[in-house]
Protein backbone atom coordinates (compact mmCIF):
# COMPACT_ATOMS: atom_id res chain seq x y z
CA MET A 1 -8.10 -16.71 9.46
CA VAL A 2 -6.14 -15.52 6.45
CA PRO A 3 -5.28 -11.81 6.48
CA PRO A 4 -6.14 -9.71 3.43
CA LEU A 5 -3.75 -9.63 0.52
CA GLU A 6 -1.78 -6.39 0.32
CA GLY A 7 0.39 -4.83 -2.36
CA LEU A 8 3.12 -2.22 -2.53
CA TRP A 9 3.09 -0.47 -5.89
CA TRP A 10 5.52 1.96 -7.51
CA ALA A 11 6.63 3.41 -10.83
CA ASP A 12 9.26 5.92 -11.89
CA ASP A 13 6.40 8.40 -12.34
CA MET A 14 3.27 8.02 -10.19
CA GLU A 15 1.24 9.38 -13.11
CA ALA A 16 1.42 5.80 -14.38
CA PHE A 17 -1.08 4.98 -11.60
CA THR A 18 -3.21 8.09 -11.45
CA ARG A 19 -3.61 9.35 -15.01
CA SER A 20 -2.32 7.03 -17.74
CA ARG A 21 -2.92 3.75 -15.83
CA ASP A 22 0.04 2.38 -17.82
CA LYS A 23 0.37 -1.06 -16.22
CA ASP A 24 3.54 -1.84 -18.18
CA ARG A 25 5.33 0.75 -16.01
CA TRP A 26 4.08 -0.62 -12.67
CA GLN A 27 6.26 -2.55 -10.24
CA TRP A 28 4.92 -4.34 -7.19
CA SER A 29 5.39 -6.67 -4.25
CA LEU A 30 2.60 -8.67 -2.63
CA LEU A 31 2.33 -8.86 1.16
CA LEU A 32 0.59 -10.89 3.85
CA MET A 33 0.50 -9.76 7.47
CA THR A 34 1.98 -12.42 9.74
CA PRO A 35 1.19 -13.27 13.37
CA ASP A 36 3.49 -12.03 16.12
CA TRP A 37 4.51 -15.59 17.04
CA LEU A 38 6.05 -16.28 13.61
CA THR A 39 9.84 -16.65 13.78
CA ALA A 40 12.66 -16.62 11.26
CA GLU A 41 12.85 -20.40 11.63
CA HIS A 42 9.24 -20.75 10.43
CA VAL A 43 9.99 -18.63 7.37
CA ASP A 44 13.28 -20.42 6.63
CA ALA A 45 11.43 -23.75 6.63
CA VAL A 46 9.36 -22.69 3.59
CA ARG A 47 11.62 -20.13 1.91
CA GLU A 48 14.01 -22.41 0.00
CA GLY A 49 13.70 -21.95 -3.75
CA SER A 50 11.28 -19.03 -3.49
CA ALA A 51 11.49 -15.25 -3.58
CA LEU A 52 9.85 -15.08 -0.16
CA GLU A 53 11.13 -12.41 2.22
CA TRP A 54 10.14 -11.71 5.80
CA SER A 55 10.45 -8.14 6.98
CA LEU A 56 9.03 -5.52 9.28
CA ILE A 57 7.02 -2.81 7.55
CA ASP A 58 7.26 0.60 9.24
CA GLU A 59 5.18 3.02 7.21
CA GLY A 60 4.93 5.77 9.78
CA ARG A 61 2.34 8.44 9.11
CA CYS A 62 -0.06 7.67 6.23
CA LEU A 63 -3.12 9.03 4.51
CA GLN A 64 -5.58 6.45 3.27
CA THR A 65 -9.01 6.16 1.72
CA LEU A 66 -11.41 3.39 0.78
CA HIS A 67 -12.00 2.70 -2.92
CA LEU A 68 -15.25 0.97 -3.83
CA GLY A 69 -15.34 -0.68 -7.23
CA PRO A 70 -13.06 -2.30 -9.81
CA TYR A 71 -9.31 -2.04 -9.36
CA ASP A 72 -9.03 -0.44 -12.81
CA ASP A 73 -11.16 2.49 -11.58
CA GLU A 74 -8.79 3.55 -8.76
CA GLY A 75 -7.00 6.21 -10.85
CA PRO A 76 -9.22 9.25 -10.16
CA LEU A 77 -9.32 8.59 -6.40
CA LEU A 78 -5.54 8.08 -6.31
CA ALA A 79 -5.06 11.31 -8.25
CA ARG A 80 -7.23 13.15 -5.72
CA LEU A 81 -5.32 11.62 -2.79
CA HIS A 82 -1.88 12.37 -4.29
CA GLU A 83 -2.55 15.72 -5.95
CA GLU A 84 -5.16 17.34 -3.68
CA GLU A 85 -5.59 15.75 -0.24
CA ILE A 86 -1.94 15.23 0.65
CA PRO A 87 -0.78 18.76 -0.35
CA ALA A 88 -3.88 20.33 1.26
CA ARG A 89 -2.73 18.91 4.61
CA GLY A 90 0.80 20.30 4.26
CA LEU A 91 2.18 16.84 3.54
CA ALA A 92 4.30 15.23 0.83
CA MET A 93 4.36 11.64 -0.38
CA ARG A 94 7.14 9.32 0.74
CA GLY A 95 7.51 5.60 0.42
CA LEU A 96 5.52 3.21 -1.73
CA HIS A 97 1.81 3.28 -2.53
CA HIS A 98 0.13 0.55 -0.47
CA GLU A 99 -3.14 -1.25 -1.23
CA ILE A 100 -5.07 -3.59 1.05
CA TYR A 101 -7.63 -5.79 -0.72
CA LEU A 102 -10.66 -6.36 1.50
CA GLY A 103 -12.54 -8.64 -0.88
CA ASP A 104 -11.85 -11.70 -2.96
CA PRO A 105 -12.14 -10.77 -6.66
CA ARG A 106 -13.01 -14.40 -7.44
CA ARG A 107 -16.15 -14.16 -5.29
CA THR A 108 -17.03 -10.46 -5.36
CA ALA A 109 -18.60 -8.51 -8.20
CA PRO A 110 -16.14 -5.86 -9.47
CA ASP A 111 -18.42 -2.98 -8.45
CA ARG A 112 -18.47 -4.31 -4.85
CA LEU A 113 -14.70 -4.69 -4.36
CA ARG A 114 -13.25 -2.71 -1.46
CA THR A 115 -9.63 -1.58 -1.46
CA ILE A 116 -7.80 0.58 1.06
CA LEU A 117 -5.51 2.97 -0.80
CA ARG A 118 -2.71 4.09 1.52
CA GLN A 119 0.14 6.52 0.96
CA PRO A 120 2.93 7.11 3.49
CA VAL A 121 3.48 10.83 3.98
CA ARG A 122 5.84 13.29 5.64
CA ALA A 123 5.57 16.94 6.52
CA ASP A 124 6.24 19.09 3.48
CA SER A 125 9.46 20.95 4.34
CA SER A 126 8.21 24.05 2.51
CA LEU A 127 5.33 24.34 5.03
CA PRO A 128 5.22 24.58 8.85
CA ALA A 129 5.83 21.24 10.57
CA SER A 130 2.79 19.23 11.62
CA PRO A 131 2.65 16.98 14.71
CA GLY A 132 4.03 13.48 14.27
CA HIS A 133 2.26 10.20 14.83
CA PRO A 134 3.67 6.96 16.20
CA PRO A 135 4.87 4.55 13.52
CA ARG A 136 2.71 1.65 12.42
CA ARG A 137 4.77 -1.54 12.64
CA ARG A 138 3.97 -5.13 11.75
CA SER A 139 5.77 -8.11 10.37
CA THR A 140 4.92 -9.00 6.81
CA LEU A 141 5.75 -11.69 4.26
CA VAL A 142 6.77 -10.21 0.93
CA ALA A 143 6.58 -12.27 -2.26
C-alpha cells in the first residue's frame, strides 16, 4: 500500500494561500510517510543524485479540517482555519501548513477530491495556557 502524498507549504505571508492564492509566492516540500522498519541504509541506497531527505516530522499539537473539492478552492477554508478557528481556541500558528491528499487527482473528479488541511499550533502567549497534547511523530521522506 502506498501512503497518501503529503505537502508542507509556506510563504513569507500566509495571505498568499488564503486570500490572493498567489502561487508564485508559494514554497513547498512533498512528503511520503515511511514504514517503521525503513533504515538510513535503505534511504542511502536510493538517495544518490536526488534531493531526497529522510527525517522525523514532529508537528506537535495541530488543528486540521477536511477540504472537499478542487485544490484551488482551499483558500476560504484555510482563511477560516487561520483567521477564525485557531484564534478562537486561544492558539497561534507555528510551523508549516501541511496538506494530506486523500485522492488521486488523475482518477478523481476535482469536486470529489479530499484534502486534510493541517496547521501546527501553540498556545497564544497573550491568552491563558491550554493543556498540551503528546507530539505526533513519524518518519517521512521529503523530496
